[in-house]
C-alpha atoms as a PDB file:
ATOM      1  CA  MET A   1     -97.547   2.086  36.871  1.00  0.00           C
ATOM      2  CA  ASP A   2     -97.765   5.797  36.202  1.00  0.00           C
ATOM      3  CA  PHE A   3     -95.185   8.380  37.246  1.00  0.00           C
ATOM      4  CA  SER A   4     -96.769  11.318  35.444  1.00  0.00           C
ATOM      5  CA  GLY A   5     -96.129  14.531  37.354  1.00  0.00           C
ATOM      6  CA  LYS A   6     -93.412  12.895  39.459  1.00  0.00           C
ATOM      7  CA  THR A   7     -89.818  14.101  39.704  1.00  0.00           C
ATOM      8  CA  VAL A   8     -87.279  11.286  39.892  1.00  0.00           C
ATOM      9  CA  ILE A   9     -83.564  11.556  40.700  1.00  0.00           C
ATOM     10  CA  VAL A  10     -81.310   8.692  39.598  1.00  0.00           C
ATOM     11  CA  THR A  11     -77.658   8.656  40.637  1.00  0.00           C
ATOM     12  CA  GLY A  12     -75.251   6.552  38.622  1.00  0.00           C
ATOM     13  CA  ALA A  13     -77.546   7.032  35.634  1.00  0.00           C
ATOM     14  CA  GLY A  14     -74.885   6.857  32.964  1.00  0.00           C
ATOM     15  CA  ALA A  15     -74.916   3.085  32.530  1.00  0.00           C
ATOM     16  CA  GLY A  16     -76.272  -0.231  33.742  1.00  0.00           C
ATOM     17  CA  MET A  17     -79.181  -0.354  36.161  1.00  0.00           C
ATOM     18  CA  GLY A  18     -79.150   3.400  36.704  1.00  0.00           C
ATOM     19  CA  ARG A  19     -79.506   4.133  33.013  1.00  0.00           C
ATOM     20  CA  ALA A  20     -82.168   1.454  32.552  1.00  0.00           C
ATOM     21  CA  ALA A  21     -84.118   2.791  35.534  1.00  0.00           C
ATOM     22  CA  ALA A  22     -83.995   6.359  34.220  1.00  0.00           C
ATOM     23  CA  LEU A  23     -85.333   5.224  30.852  1.00  0.00           C
ATOM     24  CA  GLY A  24     -88.059   3.238  32.593  1.00  0.00           C
ATOM     25  CA  PHE A  25     -89.238   6.166  34.707  1.00  0.00           C
ATOM     26  CA  ALA A  26     -89.250   8.384  31.622  1.00  0.00           C
ATOM     27  CA  ARG A  27     -91.350   5.847  29.732  1.00  0.00           C
ATOM     28  CA  LEU A  28     -93.899   6.015  32.539  1.00  0.00           C
ATOM     29  CA  GLY A  29     -94.208   9.790  32.497  1.00  0.00           C
ATOM     30  CA  ALA A  30     -91.692  11.062  35.055  1.00  0.00           C
ATOM     31  CA  SER A  31     -89.480  14.128  34.890  1.00  0.00           C
ATOM     32  CA  LEU A  32     -85.865  13.018  35.286  1.00  0.00           C
ATOM     33  CA  VAL A  33     -82.790  14.312  37.048  1.00  0.00           C
ATOM     34  CA  VAL A  34     -79.961  12.058  35.891  1.00  0.00           C
ATOM     35  CA  ASN A  35     -76.610  12.109  37.644  1.00  0.00           C
ATOM     36  CA  SER A  36     -73.152  10.694  37.141  1.00  0.00           C
ATOM     37  CA  ILE A  37     -69.667  11.598  38.311  1.00  0.00           C
ATOM     38  CA  SER A  38     -68.499  11.696  34.688  1.00  0.00           C
ATOM     39  CA  ASP A  39     -70.278  12.914  31.571  1.00  0.00           C
ATOM     40  CA  SER A  40     -71.777   9.465  30.923  1.00  0.00           C
ATOM     41  CA  ALA A  41     -75.319  10.431  31.974  1.00  0.00           C
ATOM     42  CA  ALA A  42     -75.237  13.501  29.718  1.00  0.00           C
ATOM     43  CA  LYS A  43     -76.010  11.326  26.694  1.00  0.00           C
ATOM     44  CA  VAL A  44     -78.835   9.627  28.579  1.00  0.00           C
ATOM     45  CA  CYS A  45     -80.264  13.063  29.326  1.00  0.00           C
ATOM     46  CA  ALA A  46     -79.845  14.243  25.731  1.00  0.00           C
ATOM     47  CA  ASP A  47     -81.664  11.165  24.442  1.00  0.00           C
ATOM     48  CA  LEU A  48     -84.530  11.750  26.879  1.00  0.00           C
ATOM     49  CA  VAL A  49     -84.852  15.417  25.962  1.00  0.00           C
ATOM     50  CA  ALA A  50     -84.865  14.483  22.269  1.00  0.00           C
ATOM     51  CA  GLN A  51     -87.872  12.275  23.021  1.00  0.00           C
ATOM     52  CA  GLY A  52     -89.688  15.149  24.713  1.00  0.00           C
ATOM     53  CA  VAL A  53     -89.015  14.007  28.276  1.00  0.00           C
ATOM     54  CA  PRO A  54     -88.433  16.775  30.849  1.00  0.00           C
ATOM     55  CA  ALA A  55     -84.896  15.901  31.955  1.00  0.00           C
ATOM     56  CA  ILE A  56     -81.713  17.509  33.227  1.00  0.00           C
ATOM     57  CA  PHE A  57     -78.196  16.187  33.768  1.00  0.00           C
ATOM     58  CA  VAL A  58     -76.296  17.031  36.950  1.00  0.00           C
ATOM     59  CA  LYS A  59     -72.623  16.136  36.945  1.00  0.00           C
ATOM     60  CA  ALA A  60     -71.622  15.664  40.573  1.00  0.00           C
ATOM     61  CA  ASP A  61     -69.761  13.375  42.941  1.00  0.00           C
ATOM     62  CA  VAL A  62     -72.546  12.450  45.340  1.00  0.00           C
ATOM     63  CA  SER A  63     -70.092  10.861  47.776  1.00  0.00           C
ATOM     64  CA  GLU A  64     -69.042  14.445  48.580  1.00  0.00           C
ATOM     65  CA  LYS A  65     -71.376  16.773  50.482  1.00  0.00           C
ATOM     66  CA  GLU A  66     -71.128  19.574  47.931  1.00  0.00           C
ATOM     67  CA  GLY A  67     -71.839  17.195  45.059  1.00  0.00           C
ATOM     68  CA  ALA A  68     -74.900  15.722  46.754  1.00  0.00           C
ATOM     69  CA  LYS A  69     -76.094  19.213  47.677  1.00  0.00           C
ATOM     70  CA  LYS A  70     -75.700  20.370  44.077  1.00  0.00           C
ATOM     71  CA  LEU A  71     -77.785  17.438  42.848  1.00  0.00           C
ATOM     72  CA  ILE A  72     -80.658  17.903  45.289  1.00  0.00           C
ATOM     73  CA  GLU A  73     -80.782  21.690  45.030  1.00  0.00           C
ATOM     74  CA  THR A  74     -80.697  21.620  41.224  1.00  0.00           C
ATOM     75  CA  ALA A  75     -83.530  19.088  41.141  1.00  0.00           C
ATOM     76  CA  VAL A  76     -85.711  21.206  43.432  1.00  0.00           C
ATOM     77  CA  LYS A  77     -84.879  24.445  41.637  1.00  0.00           C
ATOM     78  CA  THR A  78     -85.723  22.927  38.248  1.00  0.00           C
ATOM     79  CA  PHE A  79     -88.796  20.833  39.038  1.00  0.00           C
ATOM     80  CA  GLY A  80     -90.042  22.224  42.351  1.00  0.00           C
ATOM     81  CA  GLY A  81     -89.608  19.104  44.452  1.00  0.00           C
ATOM     82  CA  ILE A  82     -88.616  15.445  44.625  1.00  0.00           C
ATOM     83  CA  ASP A  83     -90.872  12.381  44.534  1.00  0.00           C
ATOM     84  CA  VAL A  84     -88.391   9.541  44.038  1.00  0.00           C
ATOM     85  CA  LEU A  85     -84.681   9.172  44.795  1.00  0.00           C
ATOM     86  CA  VAL A  86     -82.889   6.184  43.287  1.00  0.00           C
ATOM     87  CA  ASN A  87     -79.371   5.646  44.606  1.00  0.00           C
ATOM     88  CA  ALA A  88     -77.741   3.558  41.883  1.00  0.00           C
ATOM     89  CA  ALA A  89     -74.190   4.950  42.017  1.00  0.00           C
ATOM     90  CA  GLY A  90     -71.609   2.470  43.239  1.00  0.00           C
ATOM     91  CA  ILE A  91     -68.363   0.593  42.694  1.00  0.00           C
ATOM     92  CA  VAL A  92     -67.249  -3.019  43.118  1.00  0.00           C
ATOM     93  CA  ALA A  93     -63.974  -3.846  44.868  1.00  0.00           C
ATOM     94  CA  ASN A  94     -62.555  -7.361  44.718  1.00  0.00           C
ATOM     95  CA  GLY A  95     -60.476  -9.009  47.405  1.00  0.00           C
ATOM     96  CA  SER A  96     -60.601 -10.726  50.777  1.00  0.00           C
ATOM     97  CA  VAL A  97     -60.256  -8.800  54.027  1.00  0.00           C
ATOM     98  CA  GLU A  98     -56.497  -9.428  53.806  1.00  0.00           C
ATOM     99  CA  ASP A  99     -56.253  -8.333  50.189  1.00  0.00           C
ATOM    100  CA  CYS A 100     -58.287  -5.163  50.689  1.00  0.00           C
ATOM    101  CA  ASP A 101     -56.077  -2.222  51.652  1.00  0.00           C
ATOM    102  CA  GLU A 102     -57.376   0.727  53.655  1.00  0.00           C
ATOM    103  CA  GLU A 103     -57.571   2.981  50.621  1.00  0.00           C
ATOM    104  CA  THR A 104     -59.844   0.524  48.802  1.00  0.00           C
ATOM    105  CA  TRP A 105     -61.947   0.001  51.932  1.00  0.00           C
ATOM    106  CA  ASP A 106     -62.376   3.729  52.534  1.00  0.00           C
ATOM    107  CA  LYS A 107     -63.191   4.470  48.890  1.00  0.00           C
ATOM    108  CA  SER A 108     -65.786   1.683  48.803  1.00  0.00           C
ATOM    109  CA  MET A 109     -67.463   2.987  51.950  1.00  0.00           C
ATOM    110  CA  LYS A 110     -67.441   6.538  50.647  1.00  0.00           C
ATOM    111  CA  VAL A 111     -68.776   5.846  47.167  1.00  0.00           C
ATOM    112  CA  ASN A 112     -71.292   3.144  48.077  1.00  0.00           C
ATOM    113  CA  VAL A 113     -72.510   4.111  51.555  1.00  0.00           C
ATOM    114  CA  LYS A 114     -71.742   7.768  52.202  1.00  0.00           C
ATOM    115  CA  SER A 115     -73.373   8.745  48.912  1.00  0.00           C
ATOM    116  CA  VAL A 116     -76.634   7.108  50.019  1.00  0.00           C
ATOM    117  CA  TYR A 117     -76.440   8.827  53.394  1.00  0.00           C
ATOM    118  CA  LEU A 118     -75.795  12.250  51.855  1.00  0.00           C
ATOM    119  CA  THR A 119     -78.432  12.181  49.124  1.00  0.00           C
ATOM    120  CA  SER A 120     -81.045  10.696  51.457  1.00  0.00           C
ATOM    121  CA  ARG A 121     -80.335  13.225  54.193  1.00  0.00           C
ATOM    122  CA  LEU A 122     -80.476  16.193  51.849  1.00  0.00           C
ATOM    123  CA  ALA A 123     -83.519  14.965  49.920  1.00  0.00           C
ATOM    124  CA  MET A 124     -85.571  13.963  52.961  1.00  0.00           C
ATOM    125  CA  PRO A 125     -87.215  17.372  53.602  1.00  0.00           C
ATOM    126  CA  TYR A 126     -88.514  17.385  50.028  1.00  0.00           C
ATOM    127  CA  LEU A 127     -89.499  13.711  50.035  1.00  0.00           C
ATOM    128  CA  ARG A 128     -91.433  14.347  53.236  1.00  0.00           C
ATOM    129  CA  GLN A 129     -93.415  17.109  51.528  1.00  0.00           C
ATOM    130  CA  ARG A 130     -94.544  14.779  48.740  1.00  0.00           C
ATOM    131  CA  LYS A 131     -94.633  11.482  50.666  1.00  0.00           C
ATOM    132  CA  GLY A 132     -91.903  10.244  48.388  1.00  0.00           C
ATOM    133  CA  VAL A 133     -89.815   7.128  47.995  1.00  0.00           C
ATOM    134  CA  ILE A 134     -86.141   6.194  48.209  1.00  0.00           C
ATOM    135  CA  VAL A 135     -84.929   3.122  46.331  1.00  0.00           C
ATOM    136  CA  ASN A 136     -81.447   1.894  47.179  1.00  0.00           C
ATOM    137  CA  ILE A 137     -79.457  -0.820  45.415  1.00  0.00           C
ATOM    138  CA  THR A 138     -78.103  -3.587  47.626  1.00  0.00           C
ATOM    139  CA  SER A 139     -76.739  -6.919  46.345  1.00  0.00           C
ATOM    140  CA  THR A 140     -76.937 -10.617  47.049  1.00  0.00           C
ATOM    141  CA  VAL A 141     -73.601 -10.196  48.861  1.00  0.00           C
ATOM    142  CA  ALA A 142     -75.577  -8.326  51.548  1.00  0.00           C
ATOM    143  CA  ILE A 143     -77.525 -11.499  52.377  1.00  0.00           C
ATOM    144  CA  LYS A 144     -75.168 -14.306  51.283  1.00  0.00           C
ATOM    145  CA  GLY A 145     -71.499 -14.848  52.028  1.00  0.00           C
ATOM    146  CA  VAL A 146     -69.428 -14.490  48.855  1.00  0.00           C
ATOM    147  CA  ILE A 147     -65.661 -14.885  48.663  1.00  0.00           C
ATOM    148  CA  ASN A 148     -63.382 -12.156  47.315  1.00  0.00           C
ATOM    149  CA  ARG A 149     -65.864  -9.364  48.092  1.00  0.00           C
ATOM    150  CA  ALA A 150     -64.999  -8.158  51.613  1.00  0.00           C
ATOM    151  CA  ALA A 151     -65.381  -4.404  51.125  1.00  0.00           C
ATOM    152  CA  TYR A 152     -68.232  -4.682  48.635  1.00  0.00           C
ATOM    153  CA  SER A 153     -70.181  -7.014  50.926  1.00  0.00           C
ATOM    154  CA  ALA A 154     -69.708  -4.665  53.868  1.00  0.00           C
ATOM    155  CA  THR A 155     -70.976  -1.670  51.910  1.00  0.00           C
ATOM    156  CA  LYS A 156     -74.047  -3.434  50.578  1.00  0.00           C
ATOM    157  CA  GLY A 157     -74.904  -4.792  54.015  1.00  0.00           C
ATOM    158  CA  ALA A 158     -74.607  -1.259  55.357  1.00  0.00           C
ATOM    159  CA  ILE A 159     -76.954   0.086  52.684  1.00  0.00           C
ATOM    160  CA  LEU A 160     -79.538  -2.571  53.541  1.00  0.00           C
ATOM    161  CA  SER A 161     -79.401  -1.763  57.262  1.00  0.00           C
ATOM    162  CA  LEU A 162     -79.478   1.986  56.653  1.00  0.00           C
ATOM    163  CA  SER A 163     -82.475   1.579  54.364  1.00  0.00           C
ATOM    164  CA  ARG A 164     -84.412  -0.409  56.956  1.00  0.00           C
ATOM    165  CA  SER A 165     -83.564   2.147  59.615  1.00  0.00           C
ATOM    166  CA  MET A 166     -84.821   4.992  57.416  1.00  0.00           C
ATOM    167  CA  ALA A 167     -87.948   3.022  56.530  1.00  0.00           C
ATOM    168  CA  ALA A 168     -88.762   2.674  60.233  1.00  0.00           C
ATOM    169  CA  GLU A 169     -87.810   6.275  60.996  1.00  0.00           C
ATOM    170  CA  TYR A 170     -89.971   7.932  58.355  1.00  0.00           C
ATOM    171  CA  ILE A 171     -92.915   5.553  57.961  1.00  0.00           C
ATOM    172  CA  GLY A 172     -95.102   7.862  60.036  1.00  0.00           C
ATOM    173  CA  GLU A 173     -94.324  10.770  57.717  1.00  0.00           C
ATOM    174  CA  GLY A 174     -95.321   8.938  54.568  1.00  0.00           C
ATOM    175  CA  VAL A 175     -91.815   8.396  53.183  1.00  0.00           C
ATOM    176  CA  ARG A 176     -91.086   4.871  51.983  1.00  0.00           C
ATOM    177  CA  VAL A 177     -87.625   3.321  51.639  1.00  0.00           C
ATOM    178  CA  ASN A 178     -87.096   0.107  49.697  1.00  0.00           C
ATOM    179  CA  CYS A 179     -84.145  -1.777  48.259  1.00  0.00           C
ATOM    180  CA  VAL A 180     -83.603  -3.782  45.109  1.00  0.00           C
ATOM    181  CA  CYS A 181     -81.146  -6.630  45.560  1.00  0.00           C
ATOM    182  CA  PRO A 182     -79.541  -7.771  42.287  1.00  0.00           C
ATOM    183  CA  GLY A 183     -77.534 -10.860  41.609  1.00  0.00           C
ATOM    184  CA  THR A 184     -74.912 -10.780  38.878  1.00  0.00           C
ATOM    185  CA  VAL A 185     -76.027  -8.386  36.159  1.00  0.00           C
ATOM    186  CA  GLU A 186     -74.384  -8.079  32.752  1.00  0.00           C
ATOM    187  CA  SER A 187     -73.804  -4.351  33.026  1.00  0.00           C
ATOM    188  CA  ASP A 188     -71.089  -2.274  31.393  1.00  0.00           C
ATOM    189  CA  SER A 189     -69.026  -2.248  34.584  1.00  0.00           C
ATOM    190  CA  PHE A 190     -69.367  -6.030  34.905  1.00  0.00           C
ATOM    191  CA  LYS A 191     -68.147  -6.484  31.335  1.00  0.00           C
ATOM    192  CA  ARG A 192     -65.133  -4.290  32.076  1.00  0.00           C
ATOM    193  CA  ARG A 193     -64.248  -6.336  35.160  1.00  0.00           C
ATOM    194  CA  VAL A 194     -64.494  -9.567  33.189  1.00  0.00           C
ATOM    195  CA  ALA A 195     -62.391  -8.148  30.357  1.00  0.00           C
ATOM    196  CA  ALA A 196     -59.709  -7.132  32.860  1.00  0.00           C
ATOM    197  CA  SER A 197     -59.425 -10.639  34.339  1.00  0.00           C
ATOM    198  CA  PRO A 198     -56.505 -12.917  33.350  1.00  0.00           C
ATOM    199  CA  ASP A 199     -58.856 -15.216  31.414  1.00  0.00           C
ATOM    200  CA  PRO A 200     -62.025 -13.309  30.429  1.00  0.00           C
ATOM    201  CA  GLU A 201     -63.665 -16.289  28.724  1.00  0.00           C
ATOM    202  CA  GLN A 202     -63.231 -18.516  31.769  1.00  0.00           C
ATOM    203  CA  ALA A 203     -64.295 -15.720  34.105  1.00  0.00           C
ATOM    204  CA  MET A 204     -67.572 -15.338  32.223  1.00  0.00           C
ATOM    205  CA  LYS A 205     -68.152 -19.100  32.298  1.00  0.00           C
ATOM    206  CA  ASP A 206     -67.572 -19.111  36.061  1.00  0.00           C
ATOM    207  CA  PHE A 207     -70.077 -16.317  36.624  1.00  0.00           C
ATOM    208  CA  VAL A 208     -72.724 -18.054  34.519  1.00  0.00           C
ATOM    209  CA  ALA A 209     -72.036 -21.438  36.139  1.00  0.00           C
ATOM    210  CA  ARG A 210     -73.094 -20.203  39.571  1.00  0.00           C
ATOM    211  CA  GLN A 211     -76.463 -19.029  38.226  1.00  0.00           C
ATOM    212  CA  PRO A 212     -79.313 -21.554  38.627  1.00  0.00           C
ATOM    213  CA  MET A 213     -80.999 -20.035  35.553  1.00  0.00           C
ATOM    214  CA  GLY A 214     -77.844 -20.494  33.514  1.00  0.00           C
ATOM    215  CA  ARG A 215     -77.586 -16.829  32.566  1.00  0.00           C
ATOM    216  CA  LEU A 216     -76.845 -13.417  34.012  1.00  0.00           C
ATOM    217  CA  GLY A 217     -79.372 -10.712  34.720  1.00  0.00           C
ATOM    218  CA  ARG A 218     -80.039  -7.778  32.420  1.00  0.00           C
ATOM    219  CA  PRO A 219     -80.113  -4.148  33.572  1.00  0.00           C
ATOM    220  CA  GLU A 220     -83.640  -3.780  32.172  1.00  0.00           C
ATOM    221  CA  GLU A 221     -84.883  -6.594  34.426  1.00  0.00           C
ATOM    222  CA  LEU A 222     -83.523  -4.853  37.494  1.00  0.00           C
ATOM    223  CA  ALA A 223     -85.001  -1.571  36.319  1.00  0.00           C
ATOM    224  CA  GLU A 224     -88.475  -3.108  36.411  1.00  0.00           C
ATOM    225  CA  ALA A 225     -87.928  -4.018  40.063  1.00  0.00           C
ATOM    226  CA  ILE A 226     -86.769  -0.469  40.804  1.00  0.00           C
ATOM    227  CA  LEU A 227     -89.916   0.923  39.180  1.00  0.00           C
ATOM    228  CA  PHE A 228     -92.042  -1.447  41.259  1.00  0.00           C
ATOM    229  CA  ALA A 229     -90.247  -0.480  44.484  1.00  0.00           C
ATOM    230  CA  ALA A 230     -90.986   3.194  43.780  1.00  0.00           C
ATOM    231  CA  SER A 231     -94.471   2.705  42.383  1.00  0.00           C
ATOM    232  CA  PRO A 232     -97.364   4.790  43.725  1.00  0.00           C
ATOM    233  CA  ASP A 233     -99.426   1.620  43.241  1.00  0.00           C
ATOM    234  CA  VAL A 234     -97.513  -0.230  45.988  1.00  0.00           C
ATOM    235  CA  THR A 235     -97.708   2.215  48.878  1.00  0.00           C
ATOM    236  CA  PHE A 236     -98.095  -0.579  51.466  1.00  0.00           C
ATOM    237  CA  MET A 237     -94.474  -1.666  50.892  1.00  0.00           C
ATOM    238  CA  THR A 238     -91.576  -0.146  52.804  1.00  0.00           C
ATOM    239  CA  GLY A 239     -88.389  -1.587  54.274  1.00  0.00           C
ATOM    240  CA  ALA A 240     -88.423  -4.278  51.583  1.00  0.00           C
ATOM    241  CA  ASN A 241     -85.373  -5.817  49.936  1.00  0.00           C
ATOM    242  CA  ILE A 242     -86.557  -7.123  46.571  1.00  0.00           C
ATOM    243  CA  VAL A 243     -84.237  -9.934  45.498  1.00  0.00           C
ATOM    244  CA  VAL A 244     -83.778 -10.277  41.727  1.00  0.00           C
ATOM    245  CA  ASP A 245     -80.933 -12.762  41.399  1.00  0.00           C
ATOM    246  CA  GLY A 246     -81.954 -15.584  39.077  1.00  0.00           C
ATOM    247  CA  GLY A 247     -82.297 -17.924  42.046  1.00  0.00           C
ATOM    248  CA  MET A 248     -78.753 -17.454  43.323  1.00  0.00           C
ATOM    249  CA  THR A 249     -79.819 -17.184  46.968  1.00  0.00           C
ATOM    250  CA  ILE A 250     -82.417 -19.975  46.954  1.00  0.00           C
END
């Protein structure tokens, strides 16, 4: 795979899959626009620049219209266009439909779904110009019923359906839209959730126990799937949901 001459935007690039994906695109020659709501992606950007990679950091809340607009406009102003948009920003909310209050539901929908809608909508004119690609992050909870994940499941199912709709809508204009569907990944946010549980050691054992491979995924493994989904070598693929879950949904 070669992304030389390509401009790639990665939201949620400060940690986990987003960070790993940004590093992967950079390794393959891309110019990077890394985004996070906090300053976390600033270090990722600084490391890339130190390695000679053309990269900028845009601090913005992409679940808000002005934040998404700032990201897209800065990318175009700096690099002249957009070839790949990776929507990796997101949050996980625990709880059943009874446990999940309206505030949690609304925040989950805004951060996970509205952000994808906004960035995709604003980037589409530029993606159309370059016959670009959108890669969205779903989850196994979008295709398999999982307890204690009501809001999260709903948001990931929405992202999958939105992605397929966009894939059908823009296929004639050369824009591809694919998803990567991770199982449980040992990301920074996952580690924080485990640490916050009443019994972190048991919580980790429970997560591993439900994995047929006997281990959790690594952000770098998911990044490889993201690179593949965006690859100029796989232009016959659109509307796909690439499952990388260690066999969890077999």
